[in-house]
Amino acid sequence: MAATILIVDDEREIRELLRYNLEKQGYQVLTAQDGEEGLARIFATHPDLVLLDLLLPGRNGLEILREVRQEPSTREIPVLLLTARGAEMDKLLGFERGADDYITKPFSPREVIARIEAVLRRAGPPSNETAALTAGALTLDHARREAHLAGKELTLTPREFELLYFLARHPGRVFSRDELLTKVWGYDYRGETRTVDVHVRRLRAKLGEAGARLIATVTGTGYKFVLR
């Protein structure tokens, strides 16, 4: 069954451009023109992915993203932010709130489709991966997208889960930020390595003082998972 994409953008030209190109690729497309309508459609339809404009009338994209990530029934839905802003702080703030990706306007439809495909691949069921793994007190169930540390469930965004799962599958191996962007995000982010640092920082905060030591920084290189 074709994936359903919800486009939330107040510019009709953007909505129609994306709808046309996504439907050509076989996707089912829904649209909303403001934050309230977008949030209602997310909760009512549970789309496979949301393209969400950051600057919306009424509730802005970050407010919507926060509600989506707080609600258990929508927490796992991938969200790609669309915005005319190009400042790094805007991007980092989006990732801090749990966005899976960030696309700056103006964009090419081909770029959007490539990023959607990459995110949906990562959100799908594992292929050659073990569905569940245990690393010390950490347990990760990929099929259920559930993480527990010392018996306590962790509330992770989809991308945080994927990053932790990937590192835990390769204990002791050092990965550069560029490698993690390629292997976890699914394509080349063209040097936006701060993205990895933001997600690692968020993971360490959620893992707590003891769990945070599971992800070690290798100065000048990147990160590795450490079993203690």
Protein backbone atom coordinates (compact mmCIF):
# COMPACT_ATOMS: atom_id res chain seq x y z
CA MET A 1 0.00 0.00 0.00
CA ALA A 2 1.30 3.45 -0.93
CA ALA A 3 2.52 5.62 1.92
CA THR A 4 0.36 8.61 2.90
CA ILE A 5 2.11 11.99 3.06
CA LEU A 6 0.50 14.97 4.80
CA ILE A 7 1.64 18.40 3.58
CA VAL A 8 1.05 21.26 6.05
CA ASP A 9 1.91 24.58 4.40
CA ASP A 10 0.08 27.89 4.10
CA GLU A 11 1.34 28.51 0.54
CA ARG A 12 -1.04 26.93 -1.97
CA GLU A 13 1.64 26.85 -4.69
CA ILE A 14 3.93 24.82 -2.44
CA ARG A 15 1.16 22.39 -1.51
CA GLU A 16 0.18 21.85 -5.15
CA LEU A 17 3.79 21.49 -6.34
CA LEU A 18 4.51 18.86 -3.71
CA ARG A 19 1.17 17.08 -4.23
CA TYR A 20 1.73 16.82 -7.99
CA ASN A 21 5.24 15.39 -7.67
CA LEU A 22 4.44 13.04 -4.81
CA GLU A 23 1.37 11.62 -6.51
CA LYS A 24 3.51 11.00 -9.63
CA GLN A 25 5.68 8.80 -7.38
CA GLY A 26 2.63 6.84 -6.21
CA TYR A 27 2.17 8.43 -2.78
CA GLN A 28 -1.24 9.24 -1.35
CA VAL A 29 -1.27 12.94 -0.44
CA LEU A 30 -3.27 14.93 2.10
CA THR A 31 -2.92 18.68 2.65
CA ALA A 32 -3.61 21.30 5.32
CA GLN A 33 -3.16 25.07 5.08
CA ASP A 34 -2.58 26.05 8.71
CA GLY A 35 -1.40 24.66 12.02
CA GLU A 36 -4.79 23.82 13.52
CA GLU A 37 -5.96 21.95 10.43
CA GLY A 38 -2.62 20.18 10.16
CA LEU A 39 -2.67 18.99 13.76
CA ALA A 40 -6.26 17.78 13.42
CA ARG A 41 -5.37 15.82 10.28
CA ILE A 42 -2.32 14.25 11.92
CA PHE A 43 -4.37 12.96 14.85
CA ALA A 44 -7.28 11.88 12.63
CA THR A 45 -5.39 10.11 9.83
CA HIS A 46 -1.98 9.12 11.29
CA PRO A 47 -0.11 9.64 8.00
CA ASP A 48 3.11 7.79 7.25
CA LEU A 49 5.05 11.06 7.06
CA VAL A 50 4.40 14.79 7.56
CA LEU A 51 5.93 17.65 5.57
CA LEU A 52 5.51 20.52 8.00
CA ASP A 53 6.12 24.21 7.30
CA LEU A 54 7.81 25.95 10.21
CA LEU A 55 6.15 29.34 9.71
CA LEU A 56 2.38 28.77 9.81
CA PRO A 57 -0.52 31.04 10.78
CA GLY A 58 -1.86 30.21 14.23
CA ARG A 59 0.21 27.40 15.68
CA ASN A 60 3.66 27.29 14.16
CA GLY A 61 5.47 24.17 13.07
CA LEU A 62 7.49 23.77 16.26
CA GLU A 63 4.33 23.83 18.39
CA ILE A 64 2.73 21.18 16.21
CA LEU A 65 5.89 19.07 16.30
CA ARG A 66 5.96 19.23 20.10
CA GLU A 67 2.36 17.98 20.35
CA VAL A 68 2.97 15.21 17.83
CA ARG A 69 5.99 13.96 19.79
CA GLN A 70 4.18 14.15 23.14
CA GLU A 71 1.20 12.06 21.99
CA PRO A 72 2.00 8.28 22.10
CA SER A 73 -0.19 7.49 19.09
CA THR A 74 1.70 9.94 16.83
CA ARG A 75 5.14 9.95 18.44
CA GLU A 76 6.67 7.68 15.78
CA ILE A 77 5.41 9.57 12.71
CA PRO A 78 8.39 10.98 10.75
CA VAL A 79 8.27 14.78 10.39
CA LEU A 80 10.25 16.79 7.84
CA LEU A 81 10.30 20.54 8.43
CA LEU A 82 9.87 22.93 5.49
CA THR A 83 10.91 26.53 5.94
CA ALA A 84 12.33 29.54 4.17
CA ARG A 85 14.74 30.03 7.03
CA GLY A 86 18.31 28.91 6.53
CA ALA A 87 19.88 29.82 9.87
CA GLU A 88 21.65 27.00 11.65
CA MET A 89 19.91 27.77 14.94
CA ASP A 90 16.51 27.21 13.34
CA LYS A 91 17.64 23.83 12.08
CA LEU A 92 19.06 22.81 15.43
CA LEU A 93 15.90 23.93 17.22
CA GLY A 94 13.86 21.76 14.88
CA PHE A 95 16.03 18.75 15.62
CA GLU A 96 15.87 19.52 19.35
CA ARG A 97 12.07 19.22 19.11
CA GLY A 98 12.28 15.85 17.35
CA ALA A 99 12.21 16.64 13.62
CA ASP A 100 13.56 13.87 11.40
CA ASP A 101 14.82 16.17 8.69
CA TYR A 102 14.90 19.80 7.62
CA ILE A 103 14.40 21.13 4.07
CA THR A 104 15.05 24.78 3.29
CA LYS A 105 12.95 26.63 0.71
CA PRO A 106 13.40 27.01 -2.19
CA PHE A 107 13.88 23.29 -2.85
CA SER A 108 13.68 20.93 -5.79
CA PRO A 109 10.88 18.30 -5.73
CA ARG A 110 13.52 15.65 -6.45
CA GLU A 111 15.38 16.58 -3.27
CA VAL A 112 12.19 16.37 -1.21
CA ILE A 113 11.31 12.96 -2.67
CA ALA A 114 14.82 11.65 -2.00
CA ARG A 115 14.64 12.75 1.61
CA ILE A 116 11.16 11.31 2.07
CA GLU A 117 12.33 7.97 0.70
CA ALA A 118 15.36 7.98 3.01
CA VAL A 119 13.25 8.73 6.09
CA LEU A 120 10.60 6.13 5.22
CA ARG A 121 13.29 3.49 4.72
CA ARG A 122 14.61 4.15 8.19
CA ALA A 123 11.11 4.18 9.67
CA GLY A 124 10.23 0.82 8.10
CA PRO A 125 10.81 -2.62 9.59
CA PRO A 126 14.41 -3.79 10.02
CA SER A 127 15.81 -5.86 7.17
CA ASN A 128 19.04 -7.63 8.08
CA GLU A 129 18.93 -6.39 11.67
CA THR A 130 18.09 -8.26 14.82
CA ALA A 131 14.72 -6.92 15.92
CA ALA A 132 15.74 -6.75 19.59
CA LEU A 133 19.13 -6.39 21.22
CA THR A 134 20.46 -6.09 24.73
CA ALA A 135 23.58 -4.14 25.65
CA GLY A 136 24.16 -4.27 29.38
CA ALA A 137 21.17 -2.66 31.09
CA LEU A 138 19.92 -1.27 27.76
CA THR A 139 17.29 -3.14 25.75
CA LEU A 140 16.21 -2.00 22.29
CA ASP A 141 13.30 -3.54 20.38
CA HIS A 142 13.47 -2.33 16.79
CA ALA A 143 10.17 -3.87 15.71
CA ARG A 144 8.30 -2.01 18.46
CA ARG A 145 10.61 1.02 18.50
CA GLU A 146 10.90 0.61 22.26
CA ALA A 147 13.93 1.35 24.44
CA HIS A 148 14.39 0.41 28.12
CA LEU A 149 17.28 1.17 30.42
CA ALA A 150 17.44 -0.81 33.67
CA GLY A 151 13.78 -1.70 33.17
CA LYS A 152 12.65 1.91 32.66
CA GLU A 153 11.15 2.89 29.30
CA LEU A 154 12.87 5.72 27.46
CA THR A 155 10.87 8.23 25.43
CA LEU A 156 12.88 8.70 22.24
CA THR A 157 12.10 10.35 18.93
CA PRO A 158 12.37 8.04 15.89
CA ARG A 159 15.75 9.47 14.93
CA GLU A 160 17.11 9.26 18.47
CA PHE A 161 16.07 5.60 18.60
CA GLU A 162 17.71 4.84 15.25
CA LEU A 163 20.97 6.50 16.29
CA LEU A 164 21.10 4.66 19.61
CA TYR A 165 20.17 1.36 17.97
CA PHE A 166 22.85 1.75 15.32
CA LEU A 167 25.59 2.56 17.82
CA ALA A 168 24.51 -0.28 20.14
CA ARG A 169 24.73 -2.75 17.25
CA HIS A 170 28.42 -1.86 16.83
CA PRO A 171 29.87 -1.62 20.37
CA GLY A 172 33.41 -0.29 20.51
CA ARG A 173 33.49 0.83 16.88
CA VAL A 174 34.19 4.51 16.29
CA PHE A 175 31.98 6.29 13.76
CA SER A 176 32.68 9.74 12.38
CA ARG A 177 29.82 12.24 12.26
CA ASP A 178 29.73 11.97 8.47
CA GLU A 179 29.43 8.17 8.70
CA LEU A 180 26.55 8.45 11.15
CA LEU A 181 24.76 10.95 8.91
CA THR A 182 25.06 8.52 6.00
CA LYS A 183 24.21 5.33 7.88
CA VAL A 184 21.51 6.61 10.26
CA TRP A 185 19.98 9.50 8.33
CA GLY A 186 20.22 7.57 5.08
CA TYR A 187 22.01 10.01 2.76
CA ASP A 188 24.66 12.70 2.62
CA TYR A 189 23.83 15.75 4.75
CA ARG A 190 26.66 17.67 3.09
CA GLY A 191 28.59 18.51 6.20
CA GLU A 192 25.77 19.40 8.60
CA THR A 193 27.48 17.39 11.32
CA ARG A 194 26.07 19.51 14.16
CA THR A 195 22.93 17.45 13.62
CA VAL A 196 24.69 14.41 15.09
CA ASP A 197 25.94 16.37 18.10
CA VAL A 198 22.41 17.61 18.86
CA HIS A 199 20.98 14.10 18.79
CA VAL A 200 23.80 12.67 20.92
CA ARG A 201 23.29 15.43 23.48
CA ARG A 202 19.55 14.68 23.62
CA LEU A 203 20.19 10.95 23.93
CA ARG A 204 22.62 11.44 26.81
CA ALA A 205 20.09 13.62 28.63
CA LYS A 206 17.40 10.97 28.28
CA LEU A 207 19.72 8.11 29.23
CA GLY A 208 20.60 9.82 32.51
CA GLU A 209 23.96 10.09 34.23
CA ALA A 210 24.82 6.38 34.11
CA GLY A 211 23.37 5.67 30.68
CA ALA A 212 24.97 8.72 29.10
CA ARG A 213 28.37 7.08 29.48
CA LEU A 214 27.27 4.43 26.98
CA ILE A 215 27.95 6.92 24.17
CA ALA A 216 31.55 8.07 24.29
CA THR A 217 33.01 11.01 22.38
CA VAL A 218 36.20 10.22 20.48
CA THR A 219 37.93 13.59 20.18
CA GLY A 220 38.51 14.69 16.62
CA THR A 221 36.64 11.71 15.18
CA GLY A 222 33.10 11.05 16.37
CA TYR A 223 31.31 8.67 18.74
CA LYS A 224 31.27 5.06 19.87
CA PHE A 225 29.06 2.85 22.02
CA VAL A 226 30.78 1.60 25.17
CA LEU A 227 29.62 -1.44 27.12
CA ARG A 228 30.41 -1.13 30.84
